[in-house]
């Protein structure tokens, strides 16, 4: 049972509850080792690092941190960062109690600090600079935060660990350099290979038909090759919908191919039905730095006589 409250400098703080955490990490073992290394201390004078985990949405950044906390056998707290997160949301929030008194509620972050647990600041680059500024002393050698609302300074337990996840997309704030210099190192997550991606889908959906799993993995791997940002999370969502459609009317079942294609369109959009066309449009939107990619490029080598642009000239004709 977690401690429900704690007294700091005469102020009682109500603590948050930890997450239930049974996360496992599949594939990409090196980045897991790197994260665990960040949280090691090698001397009494040493401090743990607070890394940022960077990648496209749905690639498993939060799952990675959860798995690392599980390996360390520490409680886990997750704080979801948003554009309107205030410093008091990050630290201590005053709440009017039934007796008309003010009760002070510690955030998941502050609770993790007090209890010596792991906290993940999820989607950190959606948070504004004012909120990040309140964490500056926590992320350097001082290891404390100051709550203006409660009027207390809260030191971090020696076992407190932190990581920040950051999405690579446009709907984010630019984090100031003085904060980025404290969030080191940067650990990038890439897309899993075919075997690992299949294992991830099977782990979450062990009841899925092998054919449905194979179609989904093939789609995801092709999207990775085309530098499209469809992730395992997208694959899980479309698979879940397809499986529900198959189970909906056992007396008049629809085909697996039809259910999967329908799920793909409704979960990821009509553009996902044509990955090559989507990839070409995205390249053009990025400024046209890459040559347009025609259908012939996907099926034929440029020197193949069947390629639409083949001119039959190998450069060795002396005439």
C-alpha atoms as a PDB file:
ATOM      1  CA  UNK A   1       0.000   0.000   0.000  1.00  0.00           C
ATOM      2  CA  UNK A   2       1.428   3.377  -0.975  1.00  0.00           C
ATOM      3  CA  UNK A   3       1.858   6.097   1.594  1.00  0.00           C
ATOM      4  CA  UNK A   4      -1.184   8.395   1.265  1.00  0.00           C
ATOM      5  CA  UNK A   5       0.261  11.625   2.687  1.00  0.00           C
ATOM      6  CA  UNK A   6       3.500  13.131   3.929  1.00  0.00           C
ATOM      7  CA  UNK A   7       4.391  16.135   6.099  1.00  0.00           C
ATOM      8  CA  UNK A   8       6.985  18.544   4.679  1.00  0.00           C
ATOM      9  CA  UNK A   9       7.858  21.736   6.604  1.00  0.00           C
ATOM     10  CA  UNK A  10       4.503  21.633   8.373  1.00  0.00           C
ATOM     11  CA  UNK A  11       2.519  21.183   5.151  1.00  0.00           C
ATOM     12  CA  UNK A  12       0.655  17.931   4.550  1.00  0.00           C
ATOM     13  CA  UNK A  13       0.830  16.710   0.962  1.00  0.00           C
ATOM     14  CA  UNK A  14      -1.652  14.162  -0.347  1.00  0.00           C
ATOM     15  CA  UNK A  15       0.254  11.783  -2.608  1.00  0.00           C
ATOM     16  CA  UNK A  16      -0.773  10.369  -5.962  1.00  0.00           C
ATOM     17  CA  UNK A  17      -1.157   6.647  -6.629  1.00  0.00           C
ATOM     18  CA  UNK A  18       1.384   4.730  -8.718  1.00  0.00           C
ATOM     19  CA  UNK A  19       0.490   3.087 -12.002  1.00  0.00           C
ATOM     20  CA  UNK A  20       0.104  -0.637 -12.252  1.00  0.00           C
ATOM     21  CA  UNK A  21       3.093  -1.624 -14.326  1.00  0.00           C
ATOM     22  CA  UNK A  22       3.699  -4.986 -15.968  1.00  0.00           C
ATOM     23  CA  UNK A  23       5.317  -3.597 -19.095  1.00  0.00           C
ATOM     24  CA  UNK A  24       7.717  -5.694 -21.124  1.00  0.00           C
ATOM     25  CA  UNK A  25      10.018  -4.394 -23.841  1.00  0.00           C
ATOM     26  CA  UNK A  26      10.265  -6.305 -27.103  1.00  0.00           C
ATOM     27  CA  UNK A  27      13.234  -5.788 -29.421  1.00  0.00           C
ATOM     28  CA  UNK A  28      15.683  -2.839 -29.586  1.00  0.00           C
ATOM     29  CA  UNK A  29      17.580  -4.058 -26.526  1.00  0.00           C
ATOM     30  CA  UNK A  30      20.342  -1.495 -26.935  1.00  0.00           C
ATOM     31  CA  UNK A  31      18.110   1.506 -26.226  1.00  0.00           C
ATOM     32  CA  UNK A  32      16.744  -0.251 -23.125  1.00  0.00           C
ATOM     33  CA  UNK A  33      20.300  -0.801 -21.896  1.00  0.00           C
ATOM     34  CA  UNK A  34      21.090   2.850 -22.578  1.00  0.00           C
ATOM     35  CA  UNK A  35      18.104   4.037 -20.553  1.00  0.00           C
ATOM     36  CA  UNK A  36      18.975   1.776 -17.640  1.00  0.00           C
ATOM     37  CA  UNK A  37      22.562   3.071 -17.778  1.00  0.00           C
ATOM     38  CA  UNK A  38      21.268   6.642 -17.462  1.00  0.00           C
ATOM     39  CA  UNK A  39      19.675   5.744 -14.139  1.00  0.00           C
ATOM     40  CA  UNK A  40      22.756   4.091 -12.627  1.00  0.00           C
ATOM     41  CA  UNK A  41      24.923   5.955 -10.114  1.00  0.00           C
ATOM     42  CA  UNK A  42      28.562   4.861 -10.062  1.00  0.00           C
ATOM     43  CA  UNK A  43      29.695   6.788  -6.958  1.00  0.00           C
ATOM     44  CA  UNK A  44      28.265   8.556  -3.918  1.00  0.00           C
ATOM     45  CA  UNK A  45      29.040  11.841  -5.670  1.00  0.00           C
ATOM     46  CA  UNK A  46      27.366  10.744  -8.903  1.00  0.00           C
ATOM     47  CA  UNK A  47      23.836  11.686 -10.021  1.00  0.00           C
ATOM     48  CA  UNK A  48      21.401   9.879 -12.324  1.00  0.00           C
ATOM     49  CA  UNK A  49      20.660  11.349 -15.733  1.00  0.00           C
ATOM     50  CA  UNK A  50      17.242  12.437 -17.012  1.00  0.00           C
ATOM     51  CA  UNK A  51      17.231  11.372 -20.665  1.00  0.00           C
ATOM     52  CA  UNK A  52      14.766  12.309 -23.356  1.00  0.00           C
ATOM     53  CA  UNK A  53      13.285   9.499 -25.413  1.00  0.00           C
ATOM     54  CA  UNK A  54      12.592  10.765 -28.921  1.00  0.00           C
ATOM     55  CA  UNK A  55      10.607   9.259 -31.793  1.00  0.00           C
ATOM     56  CA  UNK A  56       7.379   9.371 -33.757  1.00  0.00           C
ATOM     57  CA  UNK A  57       4.077   8.917 -31.889  1.00  0.00           C
ATOM     58  CA  UNK A  58       3.119   5.345 -31.085  1.00  0.00           C
ATOM     59  CA  UNK A  59       6.609   3.874 -31.357  1.00  0.00           C
ATOM     60  CA  UNK A  60       6.817   2.804 -27.693  1.00  0.00           C
ATOM     61  CA  UNK A  61       8.680   5.585 -25.878  1.00  0.00           C
ATOM     62  CA  UNK A  62       6.491   5.434 -22.785  1.00  0.00           C
ATOM     63  CA  UNK A  63       6.463   1.631 -22.871  1.00  0.00           C
ATOM     64  CA  UNK A  64      10.266   1.674 -22.884  1.00  0.00           C
ATOM     65  CA  UNK A  65      10.415   3.793 -19.722  1.00  0.00           C
ATOM     66  CA  UNK A  66       7.740   1.652 -18.077  1.00  0.00           C
ATOM     67  CA  UNK A  67       9.685  -1.509 -18.859  1.00  0.00           C
ATOM     68  CA  UNK A  68      12.871   0.025 -17.435  1.00  0.00           C
ATOM     69  CA  UNK A  69      11.061   0.939 -14.208  1.00  0.00           C
ATOM     70  CA  UNK A  70       9.740  -2.608 -14.040  1.00  0.00           C
ATOM     71  CA  UNK A  71      13.243  -4.045 -14.421  1.00  0.00           C
ATOM     72  CA  UNK A  72      14.451  -1.787 -11.600  1.00  0.00           C
ATOM     73  CA  UNK A  73      11.449  -2.896  -9.498  1.00  0.00           C
ATOM     74  CA  UNK A  74      10.446   0.677  -8.759  1.00  0.00           C
ATOM     75  CA  UNK A  75       7.013   2.274  -8.555  1.00  0.00           C
ATOM     76  CA  UNK A  76       6.028   4.138 -11.699  1.00  0.00           C
ATOM     77  CA  UNK A  77       4.290   7.482 -12.079  1.00  0.00           C
ATOM     78  CA  UNK A  78       3.401   9.112 -15.401  1.00  0.00           C
ATOM     79  CA  UNK A  79       2.612  12.796 -15.850  1.00  0.00           C
ATOM     80  CA  UNK A  80       0.912  13.682 -19.145  1.00  0.00           C
ATOM     81  CA  UNK A  81       2.282  17.020 -20.356  1.00  0.00           C
ATOM     82  CA  UNK A  82      -0.025  19.321 -22.331  1.00  0.00           C
ATOM     83  CA  UNK A  83       0.134  22.820 -23.777  1.00  0.00           C
ATOM     84  CA  UNK A  84      -1.833  24.229 -20.832  1.00  0.00           C
ATOM     85  CA  UNK A  85       0.118  22.457 -18.054  1.00  0.00           C
ATOM     86  CA  UNK A  86       0.838  24.973 -15.267  1.00  0.00           C
ATOM     87  CA  UNK A  87       3.707  24.832 -12.746  1.00  0.00           C
ATOM     88  CA  UNK A  88       1.224  24.032  -9.976  1.00  0.00           C
ATOM     89  CA  UNK A  89      -0.085  21.117 -12.062  1.00  0.00           C
ATOM     90  CA  UNK A  90       3.454  19.786 -12.278  1.00  0.00           C
ATOM     91  CA  UNK A  91       4.167  20.223  -8.571  1.00  0.00           C
ATOM     92  CA  UNK A  92       1.473  20.823  -5.933  1.00  0.00           C
ATOM     93  CA  UNK A  93      -2.163  21.697  -6.571  1.00  0.00           C
ATOM     94  CA  UNK A  94      -4.393  23.314  -3.913  1.00  0.00           C
ATOM     95  CA  UNK A  95      -7.831  21.705  -3.593  1.00  0.00           C
ATOM     96  CA  UNK A  96     -10.745  22.993  -1.521  1.00  0.00           C
ATOM     97  CA  UNK A  97     -11.750  20.227   0.886  1.00  0.00           C
ATOM     98  CA  UNK A  98     -15.243  19.525   2.211  1.00  0.00           C
ATOM     99  CA  UNK A  99     -14.477  21.298   5.485  1.00  0.00           C
ATOM    100  CA  UNK A 100     -13.634  24.493   3.617  1.00  0.00           C
ATOM    101  CA  UNK A 101      -9.914  24.029   4.139  1.00  0.00           C
ATOM    102  CA  UNK A 102      -7.199  23.892   1.509  1.00  0.00           C
ATOM    103  CA  UNK A 103      -5.687  20.473   0.854  1.00  0.00           C
ATOM    104  CA  UNK A 104      -2.447  20.183  -1.077  1.00  0.00           C
ATOM    105  CA  UNK A 105      -2.170  17.385  -3.644  1.00  0.00           C
ATOM    106  CA  UNK A 106       1.236  16.321  -4.878  1.00  0.00           C
ATOM    107  CA  UNK A 107       1.482  15.592  -8.601  1.00  0.00           C
ATOM    108  CA  UNK A 108       2.674  12.207  -9.862  1.00  0.00           C
ATOM    109  CA  UNK A 109       6.098  13.813 -10.395  1.00  0.00           C
ATOM    110  CA  UNK A 110       6.400  15.158  -6.844  1.00  0.00           C
ATOM    111  CA  UNK A 111       5.038  11.899  -5.436  1.00  0.00           C
ATOM    112  CA  UNK A 112       7.750   9.990  -7.309  1.00  0.00           C
ATOM    113  CA  UNK A 113      10.348  12.435  -5.958  1.00  0.00           C
ATOM    114  CA  UNK A 114       9.192  11.866  -2.389  1.00  0.00           C
ATOM    115  CA  UNK A 115       8.836   8.096  -2.632  1.00  0.00           C
ATOM    116  CA  UNK A 116      12.024   7.451  -4.610  1.00  0.00           C
ATOM    117  CA  UNK A 117      10.166   6.170  -7.654  1.00  0.00           C
ATOM    118  CA  UNK A 118      10.305   6.578 -11.431  1.00  0.00           C
ATOM    119  CA  UNK A 119       8.413   9.374 -13.169  1.00  0.00           C
ATOM    120  CA  UNK A 120       7.864   9.660 -16.914  1.00  0.00           C
ATOM    121  CA  UNK A 121       7.064  13.132 -18.223  1.00  0.00           C
ATOM    122  CA  UNK A 122       5.093  12.065 -21.260  1.00  0.00           C
ATOM    123  CA  UNK A 123       5.151  14.201 -24.433  1.00  0.00           C
ATOM    124  CA  UNK A 124       7.325  16.787 -22.724  1.00  0.00           C
ATOM    125  CA  UNK A 125       7.698  19.039 -25.748  1.00  0.00           C
ATOM    126  CA  UNK A 126       3.986  19.862 -25.584  1.00  0.00           C
ATOM    127  CA  UNK A 127       4.660  21.786 -22.357  1.00  0.00           C
ATOM    128  CA  UNK A 128       5.369  25.524 -22.206  1.00  0.00           C
ATOM    129  CA  UNK A 129       8.588  27.139 -20.984  1.00  0.00           C
ATOM    130  CA  UNK A 130       7.092  28.487 -17.740  1.00  0.00           C
ATOM    131  CA  UNK A 131       6.296  24.972 -16.581  1.00  0.00           C
ATOM    132  CA  UNK A 132       9.705  23.669 -17.644  1.00  0.00           C
ATOM    133  CA  UNK A 133      11.369  26.502 -15.696  1.00  0.00           C
ATOM    134  CA  UNK A 134       9.822  25.188 -12.478  1.00  0.00           C
ATOM    135  CA  UNK A 135      11.722  21.920 -13.015  1.00  0.00           C
ATOM    136  CA  UNK A 136      15.149  23.435 -13.675  1.00  0.00           C
ATOM    137  CA  UNK A 137      16.492  22.837 -10.126  1.00  0.00           C
ATOM    138  CA  UNK A 138      15.190  19.266 -10.146  1.00  0.00           C
ATOM    139  CA  UNK A 139      17.017  18.388 -13.348  1.00  0.00           C
ATOM    140  CA  UNK A 140      20.475  19.550 -12.250  1.00  0.00           C
ATOM    141  CA  UNK A 141      22.645  18.878  -9.196  1.00  0.00           C
ATOM    142  CA  UNK A 142      20.222  20.658  -6.829  1.00  0.00           C
ATOM    143  CA  UNK A 143      17.541  17.924  -7.161  1.00  0.00           C
ATOM    144  CA  UNK A 144      14.603  19.815  -5.639  1.00  0.00           C
ATOM    145  CA  UNK A 145      11.491  21.763  -6.613  1.00  0.00           C
ATOM    146  CA  UNK A 146       9.879  24.778  -4.982  1.00  0.00           C
ATOM    147  CA  UNK A 147       6.114  24.923  -4.666  1.00  0.00           C
ATOM    148  CA  UNK A 148       5.006  28.547  -4.478  1.00  0.00           C
ATOM    149  CA  UNK A 149       1.422  27.420  -3.877  1.00  0.00           C
ATOM    150  CA  UNK A 150       2.240  25.305  -0.799  1.00  0.00           C
ATOM    151  CA  UNK A 151       5.245  27.382   0.275  1.00  0.00           C
ATOM    152  CA  UNK A 152       7.584  24.407   0.567  1.00  0.00           C
ATOM    153  CA  UNK A 153      10.810  23.163  -0.988  1.00  0.00           C
ATOM    154  CA  UNK A 154      10.693  19.470  -1.834  1.00  0.00           C
ATOM    155  CA  UNK A 155      13.962  17.521  -2.237  1.00  0.00           C
ATOM    156  CA  UNK A 156      14.140  14.438  -4.422  1.00  0.00           C
ATOM    157  CA  UNK A 157      14.786  11.055  -2.842  1.00  0.00           C
ATOM    158  CA  UNK A 158      18.135   9.574  -3.846  1.00  0.00           C
ATOM    159  CA  UNK A 159      16.314   6.776  -5.712  1.00  0.00           C
ATOM    160  CA  UNK A 160      14.136   9.126  -7.775  1.00  0.00           C
ATOM    161  CA  UNK A 161      14.539   8.636 -11.531  1.00  0.00           C
ATOM    162  CA  UNK A 162      13.058  10.543 -14.431  1.00  0.00           C
ATOM    163  CA  UNK A 163      12.758  10.331 -18.212  1.00  0.00           C
ATOM    164  CA  UNK A 164      10.999  12.577 -20.711  1.00  0.00           C
ATOM    165  CA  UNK A 165       9.330  11.370 -23.895  1.00  0.00           C
ATOM    166  CA  UNK A 166       9.148  13.680 -26.900  1.00  0.00           C
ATOM    167  CA  UNK A 167       7.260  13.210 -30.146  1.00  0.00           C
ATOM    168  CA  UNK A 168       8.746  14.172 -33.475  1.00  0.00           C
ATOM    169  CA  UNK A 169       5.865  16.185 -34.889  1.00  0.00           C
ATOM    170  CA  UNK A 170       4.873  19.795 -35.489  1.00  0.00           C
ATOM    171  CA  UNK A 171       2.337  20.233 -32.673  1.00  0.00           C
ATOM    172  CA  UNK A 172       4.972  20.910 -30.034  1.00  0.00           C
ATOM    173  CA  UNK A 173       6.795  23.715 -28.272  1.00  0.00           C
ATOM    174  CA  UNK A 174      10.467  24.436 -28.754  1.00  0.00           C
ATOM    175  CA  UNK A 175      12.099  23.629 -25.422  1.00  0.00           C
ATOM    176  CA  UNK A 176      14.688  26.220 -24.320  1.00  0.00           C
ATOM    177  CA  UNK A 177      18.350  25.267 -24.407  1.00  0.00           C
ATOM    178  CA  UNK A 178      18.838  25.579 -20.650  1.00  0.00           C
ATOM    179  CA  UNK A 179      16.274  22.797 -20.203  1.00  0.00           C
ATOM    180  CA  UNK A 180      17.536  20.640 -23.068  1.00  0.00           C
ATOM    181  CA  UNK A 181      21.030  20.801 -21.558  1.00  0.00           C
ATOM    182  CA  UNK A 182      19.570  19.157 -18.450  1.00  0.00           C
ATOM    183  CA  UNK A 183      17.670  16.474 -20.392  1.00  0.00           C
ATOM    184  CA  UNK A 184      20.597  14.393 -21.519  1.00  0.00           C
ATOM    185  CA  UNK A 185      21.313  12.156 -23.277  1.00  0.00           C
ATOM    186  CA  UNK A 186      18.911  11.912 -26.206  1.00  0.00           C
ATOM    187  CA  UNK A 187      17.865   8.317 -26.875  1.00  0.00           C
ATOM    188  CA  UNK A 188      16.166   7.967 -30.287  1.00  0.00           C
ATOM    189  CA  UNK A 189      13.761   5.110 -30.919  1.00  0.00           C
ATOM    190  CA  UNK A 190      13.457   3.687 -34.404  1.00  0.00           C
ATOM    191  CA  UNK A 191      10.858   1.413 -35.927  1.00  0.00           C
ATOM    192  CA  UNK A 192      11.147  -2.275 -34.997  1.00  0.00           C
ATOM    193  CA  UNK A 193      12.235  -4.849 -37.543  1.00  0.00           C
ATOM    194  CA  UNK A 194       9.773  -7.336 -38.999  1.00  0.00           C
ATOM    195  CA  UNK A 195      10.338 -10.037 -36.380  1.00  0.00           C
ATOM    196  CA  UNK A 196      10.066  -7.637 -33.444  1.00  0.00           C
ATOM    197  CA  UNK A 197       7.001  -5.909 -34.873  1.00  0.00           C
ATOM    198  CA  UNK A 198       5.243  -9.254 -35.239  1.00  0.00           C
ATOM    199  CA  UNK A 199       6.204 -10.154 -31.661  1.00  0.00           C
ATOM    200  CA  UNK A 200       4.784  -6.822 -30.409  1.00  0.00           C
ATOM    201  CA  UNK A 201       1.457  -7.409 -32.149  1.00  0.00           C
ATOM    202  CA  UNK A 202       1.301 -11.002 -30.907  1.00  0.00           C
ATOM    203  CA  UNK A 203       2.087  -9.875 -27.345  1.00  0.00           C
ATOM    204  CA  UNK A 204      -0.827  -7.445 -27.275  1.00  0.00           C
ATOM    205  CA  UNK A 205      -3.237  -9.483 -29.440  1.00  0.00           C
ATOM    206  CA  UNK A 206      -2.421 -13.171 -28.869  1.00  0.00           C
ATOM    207  CA  UNK A 207      -5.895 -14.101 -30.150  1.00  0.00           C
ATOM    208  CA  UNK A 208      -5.371 -12.544 -33.606  1.00  0.00           C
ATOM    209  CA  UNK A 209      -5.351 -14.818 -36.653  1.00  0.00           C
ATOM    210  CA  UNK A 210      -1.887 -15.371 -38.192  1.00  0.00           C
ATOM    211  CA  UNK A 211      -3.105 -14.087 -41.580  1.00  0.00           C
ATOM    212  CA  UNK A 212      -4.336 -10.830 -40.039  1.00  0.00           C
ATOM    213  CA  UNK A 213      -1.063 -10.397 -38.163  1.00  0.00           C
ATOM    214  CA  UNK A 214       0.911 -11.025 -41.347  1.00  0.00           C
ATOM    215  CA  UNK A 215      -1.078  -8.434 -43.334  1.00  0.00           C
ATOM    216  CA  UNK A 216      -0.566  -5.845 -40.620  1.00  0.00           C
ATOM    217  CA  UNK A 217       3.161  -6.456 -40.268  1.00  0.00           C
ATOM    218  CA  UNK A 218       3.598  -6.301 -44.041  1.00  0.00           C
ATOM    219  CA  UNK A 219       1.765  -2.965 -44.125  1.00  0.00           C
ATOM    220  CA  UNK A 220       3.834  -1.522 -41.267  1.00  0.00           C
ATOM    221  CA  UNK A 221       7.161  -2.677 -42.678  1.00  0.00           C
ATOM    222  CA  UNK A 222       6.324  -1.205 -46.073  1.00  0.00           C
ATOM    223  CA  UNK A 223       5.381   2.097 -44.463  1.00  0.00           C
ATOM    224  CA  UNK A 224       8.712   2.150 -42.597  1.00  0.00           C
ATOM    225  CA  UNK A 225      10.569   1.595 -45.872  1.00  0.00           C
ATOM    226  CA  UNK A 226       8.733   4.598 -47.345  1.00  0.00           C
ATOM    227  CA  UNK A 227       9.534   6.797 -44.307  1.00  0.00           C
ATOM    228  CA  UNK A 228       5.887   7.043 -43.299  1.00  0.00           C
ATOM    229  CA  UNK A 229       5.087   7.365 -39.621  1.00  0.00           C
ATOM    230  CA  UNK A 230       2.615   4.520 -39.138  1.00  0.00           C
ATOM    231  CA  UNK A 231       3.547   2.743 -35.918  1.00  0.00           C
ATOM    232  CA  UNK A 232       2.844  -0.468 -34.042  1.00  0.00           C
ATOM    233  CA  UNK A 233       0.125   1.417 -32.155  1.00  0.00           C
ATOM    234  CA  UNK A 234      -1.571   2.097 -35.491  1.00  0.00           C
ATOM    235  CA  UNK A 235      -1.253  -1.568 -36.354  1.00  0.00           C
ATOM    236  CA  UNK A 236      -2.824  -2.614 -33.052  1.00  0.00           C
ATOM    237  CA  UNK A 237      -5.761  -0.252 -33.528  1.00  0.00           C
ATOM    238  CA  UNK A 238      -6.561  -1.390 -37.052  1.00  0.00           C
ATOM    239  CA  UNK A 239      -6.155  -5.038 -36.053  1.00  0.00           C
ATOM    240  CA  UNK A 240      -8.521  -4.636 -33.105  1.00  0.00           C
ATOM    241  CA  UNK A 241     -11.175  -3.036 -35.313  1.00  0.00           C
ATOM    242  CA  UNK A 242     -10.781  -5.683 -38.012  1.00  0.00           C
ATOM    243  CA  UNK A 243     -11.100  -8.499 -35.473  1.00  0.00           C
ATOM    244  CA  UNK A 244     -14.226  -6.930 -33.990  1.00  0.00           C
ATOM    245  CA  UNK A 245     -15.779  -6.641 -37.441  1.00  0.00           C
ATOM    246  CA  UNK A 246     -15.038 -10.305 -38.109  1.00  0.00           C
ATOM    247  CA  UNK A 247     -16.644 -11.326 -34.818  1.00  0.00           C
ATOM    248  CA  UNK A 248     -19.655  -9.040 -35.180  1.00  0.00           C
ATOM    249  CA  UNK A 249     -21.913 -11.343 -37.222  1.00  0.00           C
ATOM    250  CA  UNK A 250     -20.785 -14.991 -37.094  1.00  0.00           C
ATOM    251  CA  UNK A 251     -23.717 -16.075 -39.283  1.00  0.00           C
ATOM    252  CA  UNK A 252     -22.756 -13.697 -42.092  1.00  0.00           C
ATOM    253  CA  UNK A 253     -19.043 -13.116 -41.639  1.00  0.00           C
ATOM    254  CA  UNK A 254     -17.144 -10.764 -43.898  1.00  0.00           C
ATOM    255  CA  UNK A 255     -13.843 -11.835 -45.388  1.00  0.00           C
ATOM    256  CA  UNK A 256     -10.575 -11.185 -43.604  1.00  0.00           C
ATOM    257  CA  UNK A 257      -9.226  -9.094 -46.479  1.00  0.00           C
ATOM    258  CA  UNK A 258     -12.333  -6.917 -46.546  1.00  0.00           C
ATOM    259  CA  UNK A 259     -12.383  -6.480 -42.760  1.00  0.00           C
ATOM    260  CA  UNK A 260      -8.687  -5.574 -42.709  1.00  0.00           C
ATOM    261  CA  UNK A 261      -8.975  -3.063 -45.583  1.00  0.00           C
ATOM    262  CA  UNK A 262     -12.027  -1.484 -43.981  1.00  0.00           C
ATOM    263  CA  UNK A 263     -10.186  -1.177 -40.665  1.00  0.00           C
ATOM    264  CA  UNK A 264      -7.166   0.321 -42.396  1.00  0.00           C
ATOM    265  CA  UNK A 265      -9.254   3.025 -44.071  1.00  0.00           C
ATOM    266  CA  UNK A 266     -11.252   3.934 -40.971  1.00  0.00           C
ATOM    267  CA  UNK A 267      -8.319   3.866 -38.545  1.00  0.00           C
ATOM    268  CA  UNK A 268      -5.554   5.415 -40.641  1.00  0.00           C
ATOM    269  CA  UNK A 269      -7.435   7.205 -43.390  1.00  0.00           C
ATOM    270  CA  UNK A 270      -8.101   6.633 -47.058  1.00  0.00           C
ATOM    271  CA  UNK A 271      -4.552   7.711 -47.952  1.00  0.00           C
ATOM    272  CA  UNK A 272      -3.192   4.650 -46.136  1.00  0.00           C
ATOM    273  CA  UNK A 273      -4.712   2.438 -48.844  1.00  0.00           C
ATOM    274  CA  UNK A 274      -2.016   3.701 -51.218  1.00  0.00           C
ATOM    275  CA  UNK A 275       1.271   3.947 -49.332  1.00  0.00           C
ATOM    276  CA  UNK A 276       3.343   4.753 -52.410  1.00  0.00           C
ATOM    277  CA  UNK A 277       1.079   7.627 -53.394  1.00  0.00           C
ATOM    278  CA  UNK A 278       1.069   8.935 -49.828  1.00  0.00           C
ATOM    279  CA  UNK A 279       4.863   8.791 -49.658  1.00  0.00           C
ATOM    280  CA  UNK A 280       5.170  10.723 -52.936  1.00  0.00           C
ATOM    281  CA  UNK A 281       2.788  13.444 -51.733  1.00  0.00           C
ATOM    282  CA  UNK A 282       4.715  13.820 -48.508  1.00  0.00           C
ATOM    283  CA  UNK A 283       7.983  14.206 -50.412  1.00  0.00           C
ATOM    284  CA  UNK A 284       6.431  16.939 -52.515  1.00  0.00           C
ATOM    285  CA  UNK A 285       5.121  18.690 -49.404  1.00  0.00           C
ATOM    286  CA  UNK A 286       8.668  18.701 -48.020  1.00  0.00           C
ATOM    287  CA  UNK A 287       9.819  20.830 -50.936  1.00  0.00           C
ATOM    288  CA  UNK A 288      10.311  18.381 -53.762  1.00  0.00           C
ATOM    289  CA  UNK A 289      13.917  17.657 -52.868  1.00  0.00           C
ATOM    290  CA  UNK A 290      13.439  14.060 -53.899  1.00  0.00           C
ATOM    291  CA  UNK A 291      12.548  12.928 -57.392  1.00  0.00           C
ATOM    292  CA  UNK A 292       8.919  11.875 -57.839  1.00  0.00           C
ATOM    293  CA  UNK A 293       8.559   8.152 -57.427  1.00  0.00           C
ATOM    294  CA  UNK A 294       6.529   6.418 -60.119  1.00  0.00           C
ATOM    295  CA  UNK A 295       4.934   3.018 -59.859  1.00  0.00           C
ATOM    296  CA  UNK A 296       7.603   1.565 -62.139  1.00  0.00           C
ATOM    297  CA  UNK A 297      10.229   2.265 -59.493  1.00  0.00           C
ATOM    298  CA  UNK A 298       8.518  -0.125 -57.102  1.00  0.00           C
ATOM    299  CA  UNK A 299       8.386  -3.046 -59.483  1.00  0.00           C
ATOM    300  CA  UNK A 300      11.375  -2.722 -61.820  1.00  0.00           C
ATOM    301  CA  UNK A 301      15.035  -1.860 -61.599  1.00  0.00           C
ATOM    302  CA  UNK A 302      15.837   1.336 -63.584  1.00  0.00           C
ATOM    303  CA  UNK A 303      17.908  -0.796 -66.018  1.00  0.00           C
ATOM    304  CA  UNK A 304      15.124  -3.315 -66.524  1.00  0.00           C
ATOM    305  CA  UNK A 305      13.679  -3.194 -70.085  1.00  0.00           C
ATOM    306  CA  UNK A 306      10.204  -3.372 -68.529  1.00  0.00           C
ATOM    307  CA  UNK A 307      10.712  -0.118 -66.609  1.00  0.00           C
ATOM    308  CA  UNK A 308       8.553   2.643 -68.159  1.00  0.00           C
ATOM    309  CA  UNK A 309      11.553   5.002 -68.458  1.00  0.00           C
ATOM    310  CA  UNK A 310      13.992   2.444 -69.894  1.00  0.00           C
ATOM    311  CA  UNK A 311      15.624   3.842 -73.045  1.00  0.00           C
ATOM    312  CA  UNK A 312      17.792   0.840 -73.965  1.00  0.00           C
ATOM    313  CA  UNK A 313      21.021   2.898 -73.934  1.00  0.00           C
ATOM    314  CA  UNK A 314      23.727   1.409 -71.675  1.00  0.00           C
ATOM    315  CA  UNK A 315      26.255   4.121 -72.476  1.00  0.00           C
ATOM    316  CA  UNK A 316      28.650   1.776 -74.328  1.00  0.00           C
ATOM    317  CA  UNK A 317      27.331   2.297 -77.866  1.00  0.00           C
ATOM    318  CA  UNK A 318      30.199   3.895 -79.852  1.00  0.00           C
ATOM    319  CA  UNK A 319      27.863   5.383 -82.453  1.00  0.00           C
END
